[in-house]
Amino acid sequence: MSSISRRLTGLLASVAAAATLLVAPVAAQAQPALPDASSNVADAVGSSQQDLRDSAWSTRTQIHQQTSALHPQAANAVRGAYDAAIESAFPGLINQRTEAARPKPQPAPAPVGTPAMNTGPCPADAKVCVDIDGRRTWLQNNGQVYYGPVAHAPGKPGQETPRGTFWVNRKVKDEVSYIFNNAPMPYAVYFTYNGHAFHQGNLAYESAGCIRLNPNDAVTYFNDLQIGDKVFIY
């Protein structure tokens, strides 16, 4: 054991003992006497540097616990005196042990959401994509899907929905089909000049070339799609 370590140990023991005497009258009224801090530190003489640090920290913990019932001014006097001695003997020990005892921040939970979906060949700049064979369609912004995919009913054989790139050119909320006996086409969003549109309809059977949608989906498409928006159908 080096002479420096002995002197440091003596210093800690002396401060601990002096701090205990400082508040002994108050402690006697509030709770049992403080632990014999000086003997705890002195017992570490002849031990390794790590043992000295552990003993000093153990004594500090006991002092802080035992002074918790004292008047704050008296408790702070005891704790401050001993902490000052520890910092002098073992610089940084208090911060090191305090940080080690502090709960580590938990990693943020993974965001809950729809896993990345296969958007096929639909380009990122398309606002609406339609997968004819997969019977699915969705809305996106810069390639990021924000609505769907939802089911749809495309055109039947002989009246297939055209595939390719188109642009929204007209919107009619209460549309009817003059070709098919004024059949209702609510929330129609046209993407060709030949009568092809997204609109509300029955998905149980195929259309005459339009993209039929369920009621809520048709409303969303009507509200979100604007004239000039790109439509990609494959």
C-alpha atoms as a PDB file:
ATOM      1  CA  MET A   1       0.000   0.000   0.000  1.00  0.00           C
ATOM      2  CA  SER A   2       1.581   3.351  -1.001  1.00  0.00           C
ATOM      3  CA  SER A   3       1.901   6.217   1.438  1.00  0.00           C
ATOM      4  CA  ILE A   4      -0.348   8.329  -0.828  1.00  0.00           C
ATOM      5  CA  SER A   5      -3.150   5.760  -0.658  1.00  0.00           C
ATOM      6  CA  ARG A   6      -2.790   5.605   3.132  1.00  0.00           C
ATOM      7  CA  ARG A   7      -3.041   9.370   3.363  1.00  0.00           C
ATOM      8  CA  LEU A   8      -6.120   9.400   1.114  1.00  0.00           C
ATOM      9  CA  THR A   9      -7.749   6.695   3.172  1.00  0.00           C
ATOM     10  CA  GLY A  10      -6.985   8.600   6.338  1.00  0.00           C
ATOM     11  CA  LEU A  11      -8.457  11.739   4.844  1.00  0.00           C
ATOM     12  CA  LEU A  12     -11.716   9.991   3.908  1.00  0.00           C
ATOM     13  CA  ALA A  13     -11.967   8.381   7.322  1.00  0.00           C
ATOM     14  CA  SER A  14     -11.340  11.685   9.083  1.00  0.00           C
ATOM     15  CA  VAL A  15     -13.925  13.549   7.007  1.00  0.00           C
ATOM     16  CA  ALA A  16     -16.490  10.801   7.471  1.00  0.00           C
ATOM     17  CA  ALA A  17     -15.964  10.801  11.224  1.00  0.00           C
ATOM     18  CA  ALA A  18     -16.059  14.594  11.429  1.00  0.00           C
ATOM     19  CA  ALA A  19     -19.210  14.735   9.334  1.00  0.00           C
ATOM     20  CA  THR A  20     -20.869  12.195  11.591  1.00  0.00           C
ATOM     21  CA  LEU A  21     -19.990  14.231  14.714  1.00  0.00           C
ATOM     22  CA  LEU A  22     -21.233  17.382  13.004  1.00  0.00           C
ATOM     23  CA  VAL A  23     -24.825  16.168  12.992  1.00  0.00           C
ATOM     24  CA  ALA A  24     -24.754  13.762  15.907  1.00  0.00           C
ATOM     25  CA  PRO A  25     -27.182  15.839  18.012  1.00  0.00           C
ATOM     26  CA  VAL A  26     -29.691  15.988  15.174  1.00  0.00           C
ATOM     27  CA  ALA A  27     -29.223  12.354  14.273  1.00  0.00           C
ATOM     28  CA  ALA A  28     -29.881  11.316  17.857  1.00  0.00           C
ATOM     29  CA  GLN A  29     -33.326  12.916  17.637  1.00  0.00           C
ATOM     30  CA  ALA A  30     -34.193  11.678  14.198  1.00  0.00           C
ATOM     31  CA  GLN A  31     -32.918   8.088  13.975  1.00  0.00           C
ATOM     32  CA  PRO A  32     -30.174   5.683  15.110  1.00  0.00           C
ATOM     33  CA  ALA A  33     -26.588   6.889  14.905  1.00  0.00           C
ATOM     34  CA  LEU A  34     -24.852   7.050  11.560  1.00  0.00           C
ATOM     35  CA  PRO A  35     -22.737   4.059  10.540  1.00  0.00           C
ATOM     36  CA  ASP A  36     -19.101   4.064  11.603  1.00  0.00           C
ATOM     37  CA  ALA A  37     -17.930   5.489   8.292  1.00  0.00           C
ATOM     38  CA  SER A  38     -14.354   5.945   9.456  1.00  0.00           C
ATOM     39  CA  SER A  39     -13.907   2.250  10.189  1.00  0.00           C
ATOM     40  CA  ASN A  40     -15.409   1.299   6.808  1.00  0.00           C
ATOM     41  CA  VAL A  41     -12.849   3.379   4.957  1.00  0.00           C
ATOM     42  CA  ALA A  42      -9.964   2.513   7.252  1.00  0.00           C
ATOM     43  CA  ASP A  43     -10.641  -1.205   6.739  1.00  0.00           C
ATOM     44  CA  ALA A  44      -9.637  -0.734   3.113  1.00  0.00           C
ATOM     45  CA  VAL A  45      -6.002   0.086   4.010  1.00  0.00           C
ATOM     46  CA  GLY A  46      -3.802  -2.586   2.475  1.00  0.00           C
ATOM     47  CA  SER A  47      -6.329  -3.256  -0.284  1.00  0.00           C
ATOM     48  CA  SER A  48      -6.093  -2.474  -3.967  1.00  0.00           C
ATOM     49  CA  GLN A  49      -6.936   0.901  -5.444  1.00  0.00           C
ATOM     50  CA  GLN A  50     -10.235  -0.529  -6.692  1.00  0.00           C
ATOM     51  CA  ASP A  51     -11.065  -1.772  -3.195  1.00  0.00           C
ATOM     52  CA  LEU A  52     -10.393   1.712  -1.829  1.00  0.00           C
ATOM     53  CA  ARG A  53     -12.740   3.236  -4.375  1.00  0.00           C
ATOM     54  CA  ASP A  54     -15.427   0.648  -3.638  1.00  0.00           C
ATOM     55  CA  SER A  55     -15.105   1.183   0.109  1.00  0.00           C
ATOM     56  CA  ALA A  56     -15.275   4.965  -0.243  1.00  0.00           C
ATOM     57  CA  TRP A  57     -18.378   4.681  -2.403  1.00  0.00           C
ATOM     58  CA  SER A  58     -20.009   2.195  -0.018  1.00  0.00           C
ATOM     59  CA  THR A  59     -19.458   4.577   2.881  1.00  0.00           C
ATOM     60  CA  ARG A  60     -20.895   7.459   0.866  1.00  0.00           C
ATOM     61  CA  THR A  61     -24.026   5.406   0.128  1.00  0.00           C
ATOM     62  CA  GLN A  62     -24.479   4.615   3.831  1.00  0.00           C
ATOM     63  CA  ILE A  63     -24.048   8.256   4.833  1.00  0.00           C
ATOM     64  CA  HIS A  64     -26.569   9.440   2.246  1.00  0.00           C
ATOM     65  CA  GLN A  65     -29.076   6.827   3.387  1.00  0.00           C
ATOM     66  CA  GLN A  66     -28.647   7.492   7.101  1.00  0.00           C
ATOM     67  CA  THR A  67     -28.926  11.275   6.735  1.00  0.00           C
ATOM     68  CA  SER A  68     -32.167  11.119   4.731  1.00  0.00           C
ATOM     69  CA  ALA A  69     -34.251  11.717   7.893  1.00  0.00           C
ATOM     70  CA  LEU A  70     -32.177  14.652   9.113  1.00  0.00           C
ATOM     71  CA  HIS A  71     -32.939  18.307   8.582  1.00  0.00           C
ATOM     72  CA  PRO A  72     -31.929  19.108   4.982  1.00  0.00           C
ATOM     73  CA  GLN A  73     -29.286  21.622   6.090  1.00  0.00           C
ATOM     74  CA  ALA A  74     -27.629  19.127   8.404  1.00  0.00           C
ATOM     75  CA  ALA A  75     -27.900  16.294   5.884  1.00  0.00           C
ATOM     76  CA  ASN A  76     -26.364  18.432   3.149  1.00  0.00           C
ATOM     77  CA  ALA A  77     -23.476  19.385   5.453  1.00  0.00           C
ATOM     78  CA  VAL A  78     -22.616  15.747   6.084  1.00  0.00           C
ATOM     79  CA  ARG A  79     -23.006  14.690   2.463  1.00  0.00           C
ATOM     80  CA  GLY A  80     -21.126  17.676   1.115  1.00  0.00           C
ATOM     81  CA  ALA A  81     -18.169  17.149   3.423  1.00  0.00           C
ATOM     82  CA  TYR A  82     -17.804  13.506   2.533  1.00  0.00           C
ATOM     83  CA  ASP A  83     -18.374  14.087  -1.203  1.00  0.00           C
ATOM     84  CA  ALA A  84     -15.669  16.754  -1.184  1.00  0.00           C
ATOM     85  CA  ALA A  85     -13.255  14.297   0.408  1.00  0.00           C
ATOM     86  CA  ILE A  86     -14.103  11.605  -2.143  1.00  0.00           C
ATOM     87  CA  GLU A  87     -13.640  14.010  -5.034  1.00  0.00           C
ATOM     88  CA  SER A  88     -10.248  15.029  -3.633  1.00  0.00           C
ATOM     89  CA  ALA A  89      -9.121  11.435  -3.158  1.00  0.00           C
ATOM     90  CA  PHE A  90     -10.709   9.889  -6.222  1.00  0.00           C
ATOM     91  CA  PRO A  91     -11.469  12.581  -8.825  1.00  0.00           C
ATOM     92  CA  GLY A  92     -14.478  11.699 -10.958  1.00  0.00           C
ATOM     93  CA  LEU A  93     -15.595   8.742  -8.834  1.00  0.00           C
ATOM     94  CA  ILE A  94     -18.956  10.266  -7.929  1.00  0.00           C
ATOM     95  CA  ASN A  95     -19.839  11.117 -11.518  1.00  0.00           C
ATOM     96  CA  GLN A  96     -18.644   7.725 -12.714  1.00  0.00           C
ATOM     97  CA  ARG A  97     -20.720   5.754 -10.210  1.00  0.00           C
ATOM     98  CA  THR A  98     -23.739   8.031 -10.570  1.00  0.00           C
ATOM     99  CA  GLU A  99     -23.727   7.621 -14.341  1.00  0.00           C
ATOM    100  CA  ALA A 100     -23.367   3.843 -14.016  1.00  0.00           C
ATOM    101  CA  ALA A 101     -26.406   3.696 -11.716  1.00  0.00           C
ATOM    102  CA  ARG A 102     -28.560   5.900 -13.923  1.00  0.00           C
ATOM    103  CA  PRO A 103     -31.087   3.916 -16.016  1.00  0.00           C
ATOM    104  CA  LYS A 104     -29.943   3.589 -19.596  1.00  0.00           C
ATOM    105  CA  PRO A 105     -32.317   5.054 -22.177  1.00  0.00           C
ATOM    106  CA  GLN A 106     -34.296   2.378 -23.923  1.00  0.00           C
ATOM    107  CA  PRO A 107     -34.133   2.232 -27.706  1.00  0.00           C
ATOM    108  CA  ALA A 108     -37.136   3.729 -29.400  1.00  0.00           C
ATOM    109  CA  PRO A 109     -39.654   1.110 -30.452  1.00  0.00           C
ATOM    110  CA  ALA A 110     -39.711   0.277 -34.098  1.00  0.00           C
ATOM    111  CA  PRO A 111     -42.367   2.307 -35.870  1.00  0.00           C
ATOM    112  CA  VAL A 112     -45.589   0.435 -36.349  1.00  0.00           C
ATOM    113  CA  GLY A 113     -46.958   0.654 -39.825  1.00  0.00           C
ATOM    114  CA  THR A 114     -47.539  -1.110 -43.073  1.00  0.00           C
ATOM    115  CA  PRO A 115     -44.453  -3.009 -44.235  1.00  0.00           C
ATOM    116  CA  ALA A 116     -42.963  -1.876 -47.509  1.00  0.00           C
ATOM    117  CA  MET A 117     -45.126  -3.270 -50.305  1.00  0.00           C
ATOM    118  CA  ASN A 118     -44.247  -4.344 -53.791  1.00  0.00           C
ATOM    119  CA  THR A 119     -45.264  -1.482 -56.046  1.00  0.00           C
ATOM    120  CA  GLY A 120     -44.253  -3.313 -59.216  1.00  0.00           C
ATOM    121  CA  PRO A 121     -43.282  -1.113 -62.176  1.00  0.00           C
ATOM    122  CA  CYS A 122     -45.341   1.863 -60.996  1.00  0.00           C
ATOM    123  CA  PRO A 123     -43.073   4.937 -61.189  1.00  0.00           C
ATOM    124  CA  ALA A 124     -42.507   7.119 -58.143  1.00  0.00           C
ATOM    125  CA  ASP A 125     -43.996  10.188 -59.813  1.00  0.00           C
ATOM    126  CA  ALA A 126     -47.376   8.495 -60.379  1.00  0.00           C
ATOM    127  CA  LYS A 127     -50.078   9.620 -57.941  1.00  0.00           C
ATOM    128  CA  VAL A 128     -52.237   6.538 -58.450  1.00  0.00           C
ATOM    129  CA  CYS A 129     -51.198   3.029 -59.412  1.00  0.00           C
ATOM    130  CA  VAL A 130     -53.413   0.191 -60.653  1.00  0.00           C
ATOM    131  CA  ASP A 131     -52.365  -3.454 -60.758  1.00  0.00           C
ATOM    132  CA  ILE A 132     -54.944  -5.059 -63.065  1.00  0.00           C
ATOM    133  CA  ASP A 133     -53.948  -8.696 -62.543  1.00  0.00           C
ATOM    134  CA  GLY A 134     -53.427  -8.241 -58.801  1.00  0.00           C
ATOM    135  CA  ARG A 135     -56.784  -6.440 -58.460  1.00  0.00           C
ATOM    136  CA  ARG A 136     -55.185  -3.778 -56.265  1.00  0.00           C
ATOM    137  CA  THR A 137     -54.720  -0.027 -56.501  1.00  0.00           C
ATOM    138  CA  TRP A 138     -53.177   2.624 -54.242  1.00  0.00           C
ATOM    139  CA  LEU A 139     -52.305   6.288 -53.874  1.00  0.00           C
ATOM    140  CA  GLN A 140     -48.743   7.478 -53.338  1.00  0.00           C
ATOM    141  CA  ASN A 141     -46.561  10.571 -52.974  1.00  0.00           C
ATOM    142  CA  ASN A 142     -43.059  10.433 -54.435  1.00  0.00           C
ATOM    143  CA  GLY A 143     -43.205   6.644 -54.405  1.00  0.00           C
ATOM    144  CA  GLN A 144     -44.388   6.436 -50.778  1.00  0.00           C
ATOM    145  CA  VAL A 145     -47.719   4.625 -50.514  1.00  0.00           C
ATOM    146  CA  TYR A 146     -50.101   6.537 -48.246  1.00  0.00           C
ATOM    147  CA  TYR A 147     -53.457   4.939 -49.120  1.00  0.00           C
ATOM    148  CA  GLY A 148     -54.090   1.316 -49.960  1.00  0.00           C
ATOM    149  CA  PRO A 149     -53.635  -0.972 -51.602  1.00  0.00           C
ATOM    150  CA  VAL A 150     -57.371  -1.432 -51.972  1.00  0.00           C
ATOM    151  CA  ALA A 151     -59.394  -3.806 -54.117  1.00  0.00           C
ATOM    152  CA  HIS A 152     -60.906  -2.815 -57.453  1.00  0.00           C
ATOM    153  CA  ALA A 153     -62.824  -4.311 -60.356  1.00  0.00           C
ATOM    154  CA  PRO A 154     -61.341  -3.624 -63.832  1.00  0.00           C
ATOM    155  CA  GLY A 155     -62.863  -4.012 -67.278  1.00  0.00           C
ATOM    156  CA  LYS A 156     -64.115  -7.404 -68.444  1.00  0.00           C
ATOM    157  CA  PRO A 157     -62.689  -9.347 -71.420  1.00  0.00           C
ATOM    158  CA  GLY A 158     -63.377  -7.462 -74.604  1.00  0.00           C
ATOM    159  CA  GLN A 159     -63.753  -4.215 -72.672  1.00  0.00           C
ATOM    160  CA  GLU A 160     -60.473  -4.262 -70.797  1.00  0.00           C
ATOM    161  CA  THR A 161     -59.195  -1.291 -68.864  1.00  0.00           C
ATOM    162  CA  PRO A 162     -56.344   0.199 -70.906  1.00  0.00           C
ATOM    163  CA  ARG A 163     -52.854  -0.194 -69.488  1.00  0.00           C
ATOM    164  CA  GLY A 164     -50.199   2.496 -69.584  1.00  0.00           C
ATOM    165  CA  THR A 165     -49.616   6.037 -68.394  1.00  0.00           C
ATOM    166  CA  PHE A 166     -52.473   8.509 -68.207  1.00  0.00           C
ATOM    167  CA  TRP A 167     -53.377  11.780 -66.487  1.00  0.00           C
ATOM    168  CA  VAL A 168     -56.485  12.824 -64.602  1.00  0.00           C
ATOM    169  CA  ASN A 169     -58.470  15.097 -66.941  1.00  0.00           C
ATOM    170  CA  ARG A 170     -61.918  15.481 -65.369  1.00  0.00           C
ATOM    171  CA  LYS A 171     -63.851  14.880 -62.140  1.00  0.00           C
ATOM    172  CA  VAL A 172     -67.616  14.554 -61.783  1.00  0.00           C
ATOM    173  CA  LYS A 173     -69.066  13.779 -58.369  1.00  0.00           C
ATOM    174  CA  ASP A 174     -72.573  12.676 -59.425  1.00  0.00           C
ATOM    175  CA  GLU A 175     -71.714  11.213 -62.810  1.00  0.00           C
ATOM    176  CA  VAL A 176     -73.934   8.863 -64.860  1.00  0.00           C
ATOM    177  CA  SER A 177     -73.114   6.790 -67.921  1.00  0.00           C
ATOM    178  CA  TYR A 178     -75.138   7.963 -70.913  1.00  0.00           C
ATOM    179  CA  ILE A 179     -73.914   4.963 -72.929  1.00  0.00           C
ATOM    180  CA  PHE A 180     -75.215   2.464 -70.373  1.00  0.00           C
ATOM    181  CA  ASN A 181     -78.722   3.767 -69.664  1.00  0.00           C
ATOM    182  CA  ASN A 182     -77.625   6.468 -67.234  1.00  0.00           C
ATOM    183  CA  ALA A 183     -75.988   3.939 -64.935  1.00  0.00           C
ATOM    184  CA  PRO A 184     -74.649   5.772 -61.867  1.00  0.00           C
ATOM    185  CA  MET A 185     -70.897   6.441 -61.652  1.00  0.00           C
ATOM    186  CA  PRO A 186     -70.507   8.354 -58.359  1.00  0.00           C
ATOM    187  CA  TYR A 187     -67.217  10.116 -57.675  1.00  0.00           C
ATOM    188  CA  ALA A 188     -65.940   9.649 -61.217  1.00  0.00           C
ATOM    189  CA  VAL A 189     -62.308  10.584 -61.873  1.00  0.00           C
ATOM    190  CA  TYR A 190     -61.552  10.318 -65.593  1.00  0.00           C
ATOM    191  CA  PHE A 191     -58.105   9.379 -66.823  1.00  0.00           C
ATOM    192  CA  THR A 192     -58.839   8.946 -70.554  1.00  0.00           C
ATOM    193  CA  TYR A 193     -61.001  10.848 -73.027  1.00  0.00           C
ATOM    194  CA  ASN A 194     -62.787   7.607 -73.962  1.00  0.00           C
ATOM    195  CA  GLY A 195     -64.883   7.318 -70.802  1.00  0.00           C
ATOM    196  CA  HIS A 196     -62.463   5.419 -68.540  1.00  0.00           C
ATOM    197  CA  ALA A 197     -62.617   6.537 -64.933  1.00  0.00           C
ATOM    198  CA  PHE A 198     -62.257   5.547 -61.309  1.00  0.00           C
ATOM    199  CA  HIS A 199     -65.693   5.514 -59.705  1.00  0.00           C
ATOM    200  CA  GLN A 200     -67.801   3.904 -57.035  1.00  0.00           C
ATOM    201  CA  GLY A 201     -69.327   0.592 -58.052  1.00  0.00           C
ATOM    202  CA  ASN A 202     -69.973  -3.061 -57.335  1.00  0.00           C
ATOM    203  CA  LEU A 203     -66.729  -5.063 -57.173  1.00  0.00           C
ATOM    204  CA  ALA A 204     -68.593  -8.365 -57.545  1.00  0.00           C
ATOM    205  CA  TYR A 205     -68.398  -8.126 -61.345  1.00  0.00           C
ATOM    206  CA  GLU A 206     -66.139  -6.477 -63.892  1.00  0.00           C
ATOM    207  CA  SER A 207     -66.808  -3.162 -65.583  1.00  0.00           C
ATOM    208  CA  ALA A 208     -66.980  -1.947 -69.150  1.00  0.00           C
ATOM    209  CA  GLY A 209     -63.448  -0.582 -68.839  1.00  0.00           C
ATOM    210  CA  CYS A 210     -63.559   1.640 -65.759  1.00  0.00           C
ATOM    211  CA  ILE A 211     -61.891   0.968 -62.422  1.00  0.00           C
ATOM    212  CA  ARG A 212     -64.647   0.309 -59.893  1.00  0.00           C
ATOM    213  CA  LEU A 213     -63.939   1.077 -56.234  1.00  0.00           C
ATOM    214  CA  ASN A 214     -65.665   0.518 -52.916  1.00  0.00           C
ATOM    215  CA  PRO A 215     -67.568   3.597 -51.603  1.00  0.00           C
ATOM    216  CA  ASN A 216     -64.957   4.873 -49.141  1.00  0.00           C
ATOM    217  CA  ASP A 217     -62.122   4.305 -51.590  1.00  0.00           C
ATOM    218  CA  ALA A 218     -63.983   6.091 -54.371  1.00  0.00           C
ATOM    219  CA  VAL A 219     -64.508   9.127 -52.133  1.00  0.00           C
ATOM    220  CA  THR A 220     -60.812   9.193 -51.166  1.00  0.00           C
ATOM    221  CA  TYR A 221     -59.682   8.912 -54.781  1.00  0.00           C
ATOM    222  CA  PHE A 222     -62.104  11.677 -55.797  1.00  0.00           C
ATOM    223  CA  ASN A 223     -60.884  14.009 -53.047  1.00  0.00           C
ATOM    224  CA  ASP A 224     -57.150  13.290 -53.408  1.00  0.00           C
ATOM    225  CA  LEU A 225     -56.719  13.087 -57.179  1.00  0.00           C
ATOM    226  CA  GLN A 226     -56.445  16.388 -59.003  1.00  0.00           C
ATOM    227  CA  ILE A 227     -56.466  17.355 -62.671  1.00  0.00           C
ATOM    228  CA  GLY A 228     -53.055  16.521 -64.140  1.00  0.00           C
ATOM    229  CA  ASP A 229     -52.142  13.810 -61.623  1.00  0.00           C
ATOM    230  CA  LYS A 230     -50.325  10.887 -63.204  1.00  0.00           C
ATOM    231  CA  VAL A 231     -52.098   7.520 -63.409  1.00  0.00           C
ATOM    232  CA  PHE A 232     -50.151   4.335 -64.074  1.00  0.00           C
ATOM    233  CA  ILE A 233     -51.994   1.120 -64.933  1.00  0.00           C
ATOM    234  CA  TYR A 234     -50.184  -2.168 -65.541  1.00  0.00           C
END
